[in-house]
């Protein structure tokens, strides 16, 4: 007997033996399984740093209990928005809904998270050490305006 393991369409021929004559061909199909993608947390917080947000990858469960080490694609939109999702992860401060997806691979179909992760990127609060202050020349009062330069 042949074991059918991988996805695909299989043709099976059944032939009569002994007191049975004739043969017939049947086909069967094993469909791709879809991984189950879930978030370990429902909400995460990070601080704005001018870079693409970093998040903990979702858990990808495979039917055969294997370990998924493939590509995970992310998309996001502002929290509460009905806008389309944008590919990638956000950079700017705000609250976002993040979705994750895997492409089809081996015996698995593509899949995505059923619920979004809520990501909040907190605004960066500036402190005096975030600035450079250039003293004006001759800061003594003389009735003339002094130019001061402050850079962040």
C-alpha atoms as a PDB file:
ATOM      1  CA  UNK A   1       0.000   0.000   0.000  1.00  0.00           C
ATOM      2  CA  UNK A   2       1.287   3.478  -0.870  1.00  0.00           C
ATOM      3  CA  UNK A   3       1.093   6.161   1.791  1.00  0.00           C
ATOM      4  CA  UNK A   4      -0.035   9.530   0.508  1.00  0.00           C
ATOM      5  CA  UNK A   5       1.733  12.192   2.550  1.00  0.00           C
ATOM      6  CA  UNK A   6       2.419  15.345   0.552  1.00  0.00           C
ATOM      7  CA  UNK A   7      -0.068  17.696  -1.028  1.00  0.00           C
ATOM      8  CA  UNK A   8      -1.107  17.022  -4.594  1.00  0.00           C
ATOM      9  CA  UNK A   9      -3.460  15.028  -6.774  1.00  0.00           C
ATOM     10  CA  UNK A  10      -2.919  11.276  -6.777  1.00  0.00           C
ATOM     11  CA  UNK A  11      -4.218   8.620  -9.173  1.00  0.00           C
ATOM     12  CA  UNK A  12      -4.967   5.257  -7.640  1.00  0.00           C
ATOM     13  CA  UNK A  13      -5.575   2.138  -9.704  1.00  0.00           C
ATOM     14  CA  UNK A  14      -7.621  -0.631  -8.118  1.00  0.00           C
ATOM     15  CA  UNK A  15      -7.230  -3.990  -9.842  1.00  0.00           C
ATOM     16  CA  UNK A  16      -9.249  -7.118  -9.225  1.00  0.00           C
ATOM     17  CA  UNK A  17      -7.462 -10.207  -7.954  1.00  0.00           C
ATOM     18  CA  UNK A  18      -8.593 -13.736  -7.335  1.00  0.00           C
ATOM     19  CA  UNK A  19     -12.277 -14.035  -8.228  1.00  0.00           C
ATOM     20  CA  UNK A  20     -12.440 -10.340  -9.121  1.00  0.00           C
ATOM     21  CA  UNK A  21     -11.598  -9.005 -12.562  1.00  0.00           C
ATOM     22  CA  UNK A  22     -11.171  -5.541 -14.014  1.00  0.00           C
ATOM     23  CA  UNK A  23      -9.585  -2.360 -12.839  1.00  0.00           C
ATOM     24  CA  UNK A  24     -10.686   1.147 -12.061  1.00  0.00           C
ATOM     25  CA  UNK A  25      -8.801   4.345 -11.554  1.00  0.00           C
ATOM     26  CA  UNK A  26      -9.667   6.844  -8.858  1.00  0.00           C
ATOM     27  CA  UNK A  27      -8.084  10.132  -7.973  1.00  0.00           C
ATOM     28  CA  UNK A  28      -7.776  11.891  -4.672  1.00  0.00           C
ATOM     29  CA  UNK A  29      -6.273  15.156  -3.571  1.00  0.00           C
ATOM     30  CA  UNK A  30      -4.445  16.172  -0.425  1.00  0.00           C
ATOM     31  CA  UNK A  31      -4.857  19.897   0.083  1.00  0.00           C
ATOM     32  CA  UNK A  32      -2.335  22.303   1.555  1.00  0.00           C
ATOM     33  CA  UNK A  33      -2.645  22.900   5.259  1.00  0.00           C
ATOM     34  CA  UNK A  34      -2.489  26.476   6.509  1.00  0.00           C
ATOM     35  CA  UNK A  35      -0.244  27.397   9.423  1.00  0.00           C
ATOM     36  CA  UNK A  36      -1.914  29.069  12.377  1.00  0.00           C
ATOM     37  CA  UNK A  37      -0.345  32.457  13.143  1.00  0.00           C
ATOM     38  CA  UNK A  38      -0.995  34.027  16.547  1.00  0.00           C
ATOM     39  CA  UNK A  39       0.509  36.832  18.616  1.00  0.00           C
ATOM     40  CA  UNK A  40       2.031  36.021  22.008  1.00  0.00           C
ATOM     41  CA  UNK A  41       0.841  39.455  23.218  1.00  0.00           C
ATOM     42  CA  UNK A  42      -2.193  41.447  22.108  1.00  0.00           C
ATOM     43  CA  UNK A  43      -0.548  44.844  22.731  1.00  0.00           C
ATOM     44  CA  UNK A  44       3.040  46.060  22.757  1.00  0.00           C
ATOM     45  CA  UNK A  45       4.612  49.440  23.407  1.00  0.00           C
ATOM     46  CA  UNK A  46       7.857  50.915  22.152  1.00  0.00           C
ATOM     47  CA  UNK A  47       9.401  54.362  22.038  1.00  0.00           C
ATOM     48  CA  UNK A  48       9.938  56.428  18.906  1.00  0.00           C
ATOM     49  CA  UNK A  49      13.540  56.258  17.707  1.00  0.00           C
ATOM     50  CA  UNK A  50      13.284  57.278  14.042  1.00  0.00           C
ATOM     51  CA  UNK A  51      13.665  53.631  12.920  1.00  0.00           C
ATOM     52  CA  UNK A  52      11.173  50.984  11.802  1.00  0.00           C
ATOM     53  CA  UNK A  53       9.472  49.536  14.884  1.00  0.00           C
ATOM     54  CA  UNK A  54      10.784  46.210  16.123  1.00  0.00           C
ATOM     55  CA  UNK A  55       8.262  43.679  17.381  1.00  0.00           C
ATOM     56  CA  UNK A  56       8.294  40.142  18.723  1.00  0.00           C
ATOM     57  CA  UNK A  57       7.476  37.841  15.775  1.00  0.00           C
ATOM     58  CA  UNK A  58       4.201  35.922  15.964  1.00  0.00           C
ATOM     59  CA  UNK A  59       3.962  32.223  16.759  1.00  0.00           C
ATOM     60  CA  UNK A  60       3.581  30.111  13.597  1.00  0.00           C
ATOM     61  CA  UNK A  61       2.115  26.672  14.328  1.00  0.00           C
ATOM     62  CA  UNK A  62       2.539  23.957  11.717  1.00  0.00           C
ATOM     63  CA  UNK A  63       0.344  20.881  11.326  1.00  0.00           C
ATOM     64  CA  UNK A  64       3.341  18.537  11.672  1.00  0.00           C
ATOM     65  CA  UNK A  65       4.623  20.354  14.808  1.00  0.00           C
ATOM     66  CA  UNK A  66       7.608  21.510  12.795  1.00  0.00           C
ATOM     67  CA  UNK A  67       9.427  24.782  13.405  1.00  0.00           C
ATOM     68  CA  UNK A  68       8.724  27.574  10.948  1.00  0.00           C
ATOM     69  CA  UNK A  69      11.841  29.532  10.045  1.00  0.00           C
ATOM     70  CA  UNK A  70      10.593  31.210   6.892  1.00  0.00           C
ATOM     71  CA  UNK A  71       9.605  34.712   5.914  1.00  0.00           C
ATOM     72  CA  UNK A  72       7.039  36.705   7.868  1.00  0.00           C
ATOM     73  CA  UNK A  73       5.490  39.683   6.112  1.00  0.00           C
ATOM     74  CA  UNK A  74       4.035  42.507   8.170  1.00  0.00           C
ATOM     75  CA  UNK A  75       1.493  45.190   7.313  1.00  0.00           C
ATOM     76  CA  UNK A  76      -0.026  47.999   9.372  1.00  0.00           C
ATOM     77  CA  UNK A  77      -2.608  50.753   9.541  1.00  0.00           C
ATOM     78  CA  UNK A  78      -3.566  53.375  12.113  1.00  0.00           C
ATOM     79  CA  UNK A  79      -5.605  51.834  14.922  1.00  0.00           C
ATOM     80  CA  UNK A  80      -9.354  52.129  14.343  1.00  0.00           C
ATOM     81  CA  UNK A  81      -8.875  53.035  10.678  1.00  0.00           C
ATOM     82  CA  UNK A  82     -10.654  51.332   7.797  1.00  0.00           C
ATOM     83  CA  UNK A  83      -7.777  52.201   5.441  1.00  0.00           C
ATOM     84  CA  UNK A  84      -5.925  49.500   3.562  1.00  0.00           C
ATOM     85  CA  UNK A  85      -2.935  47.978   5.316  1.00  0.00           C
ATOM     86  CA  UNK A  86       0.527  49.252   4.294  1.00  0.00           C
ATOM     87  CA  UNK A  87       3.360  46.749   3.831  1.00  0.00           C
ATOM     88  CA  UNK A  88       6.062  46.744   6.498  1.00  0.00           C
ATOM     89  CA  UNK A  89       6.095  48.125  10.018  1.00  0.00           C
ATOM     90  CA  UNK A  90       5.519  51.756  11.081  1.00  0.00           C
ATOM     91  CA  UNK A  91       8.171  54.296  12.072  1.00  0.00           C
ATOM     92  CA  UNK A  92       6.253  57.284  13.471  1.00  0.00           C
ATOM     93  CA  UNK A  93       4.657  57.689  16.890  1.00  0.00           C
ATOM     94  CA  UNK A  94       1.047  56.513  17.079  1.00  0.00           C
ATOM     95  CA  UNK A  95      -1.093  53.432  17.679  1.00  0.00           C
ATOM     96  CA  UNK A  96      -1.278  50.857  14.898  1.00  0.00           C
ATOM     97  CA  UNK A  97      -2.886  47.532  13.999  1.00  0.00           C
ATOM     98  CA  UNK A  98      -0.255  45.045  12.814  1.00  0.00           C
ATOM     99  CA  UNK A  99      -1.003  41.938  10.749  1.00  0.00           C
ATOM    100  CA  UNK A 100       1.462  39.145   9.964  1.00  0.00           C
ATOM    101  CA  UNK A 101       1.425  36.680   7.070  1.00  0.00           C
ATOM    102  CA  UNK A 102       3.476  33.800   5.717  1.00  0.00           C
ATOM    103  CA  UNK A 103       3.788  32.927   2.031  1.00  0.00           C
ATOM    104  CA  UNK A 104       2.884  29.454   0.774  1.00  0.00           C
ATOM    105  CA  UNK A 105       5.677  26.918   1.286  1.00  0.00           C
ATOM    106  CA  UNK A 106       6.164  23.147   1.011  1.00  0.00           C
ATOM    107  CA  UNK A 107       2.811  21.535   1.947  1.00  0.00           C
ATOM    108  CA  UNK A 108       1.392  24.715   3.433  1.00  0.00           C
ATOM    109  CA  UNK A 109      -0.828  27.447   2.034  1.00  0.00           C
ATOM    110  CA  UNK A 110      -0.208  31.108   2.766  1.00  0.00           C
ATOM    111  CA  UNK A 111      -1.706  32.305   6.044  1.00  0.00           C
ATOM    112  CA  UNK A 112      -2.203  35.461   8.081  1.00  0.00           C
ATOM    113  CA  UNK A 113      -3.119  36.414  11.621  1.00  0.00           C
ATOM    114  CA  UNK A 114      -6.848  36.533  12.285  1.00  0.00           C
ATOM    115  CA  UNK A 115      -6.579  39.421  14.718  1.00  0.00           C
ATOM    116  CA  UNK A 116      -4.177  42.354  14.653  1.00  0.00           C
ATOM    117  CA  UNK A 117      -1.514  43.143  17.192  1.00  0.00           C
ATOM    118  CA  UNK A 118      -1.889  46.621  18.685  1.00  0.00           C
ATOM    119  CA  UNK A 119       1.423  48.470  18.564  1.00  0.00           C
ATOM    120  CA  UNK A 120       1.851  51.824  20.256  1.00  0.00           C
ATOM    121  CA  UNK A 121       4.933  53.852  19.391  1.00  0.00           C
ATOM    122  CA  UNK A 122       5.262  56.448  22.141  1.00  0.00           C
ATOM    123  CA  UNK A 123       6.377  59.961  21.292  1.00  0.00           C
ATOM    124  CA  UNK A 124       9.928  60.775  22.251  1.00  0.00           C
ATOM    125  CA  UNK A 125      10.033  63.282  25.079  1.00  0.00           C
ATOM    126  CA  UNK A 126      12.860  65.712  24.651  1.00  0.00           C
ATOM    127  CA  UNK A 127      15.238  66.497  27.495  1.00  0.00           C
ATOM    128  CA  UNK A 128      17.876  69.224  27.759  1.00  0.00           C
ATOM    129  CA  UNK A 129      20.529  66.697  26.692  1.00  0.00           C
ATOM    130  CA  UNK A 130      18.737  66.336  23.335  1.00  0.00           C
ATOM    131  CA  UNK A 131      19.655  69.931  22.428  1.00  0.00           C
ATOM    132  CA  UNK A 132      22.763  71.877  21.591  1.00  0.00           C
ATOM    133  CA  UNK A 133      22.687  75.510  22.614  1.00  0.00           C
ATOM    134  CA  UNK A 134      25.070  77.937  20.944  1.00  0.00           C
ATOM    135  CA  UNK A 135      25.657  81.062  23.012  1.00  0.00           C
ATOM    136  CA  UNK A 136      25.503  84.321  21.093  1.00  0.00           C
ATOM    137  CA  UNK A 137      28.637  86.387  20.774  1.00  0.00           C
ATOM    138  CA  UNK A 138      28.943  89.137  23.329  1.00  0.00           C
ATOM    139  CA  UNK A 139      25.876  88.207  25.446  1.00  0.00           C
ATOM    140  CA  UNK A 140      25.986  91.446  27.393  1.00  0.00           C
ATOM    141  CA  UNK A 141      22.944  93.680  26.959  1.00  0.00           C
ATOM    142  CA  UNK A 142      23.572  96.467  24.499  1.00  0.00           C
ATOM    143  CA  UNK A 143      20.103  97.110  23.084  1.00  0.00           C
ATOM    144  CA  UNK A 144      20.785  94.907  20.000  1.00  0.00           C
ATOM    145  CA  UNK A 145      19.186  91.517  19.276  1.00  0.00           C
ATOM    146  CA  UNK A 146      21.380  88.491  19.916  1.00  0.00           C
ATOM    147  CA  UNK A 147      21.217  85.387  17.724  1.00  0.00           C
ATOM    148  CA  UNK A 148      20.777  82.130  19.582  1.00  0.00           C
ATOM    149  CA  UNK A 149      20.909  78.735  17.849  1.00  0.00           C
ATOM    150  CA  UNK A 150      19.308  75.655  19.334  1.00  0.00           C
ATOM    151  CA  UNK A 151      19.554  72.302  17.497  1.00  0.00           C
ATOM    152  CA  UNK A 152      18.121  68.963  18.409  1.00  0.00           C
END
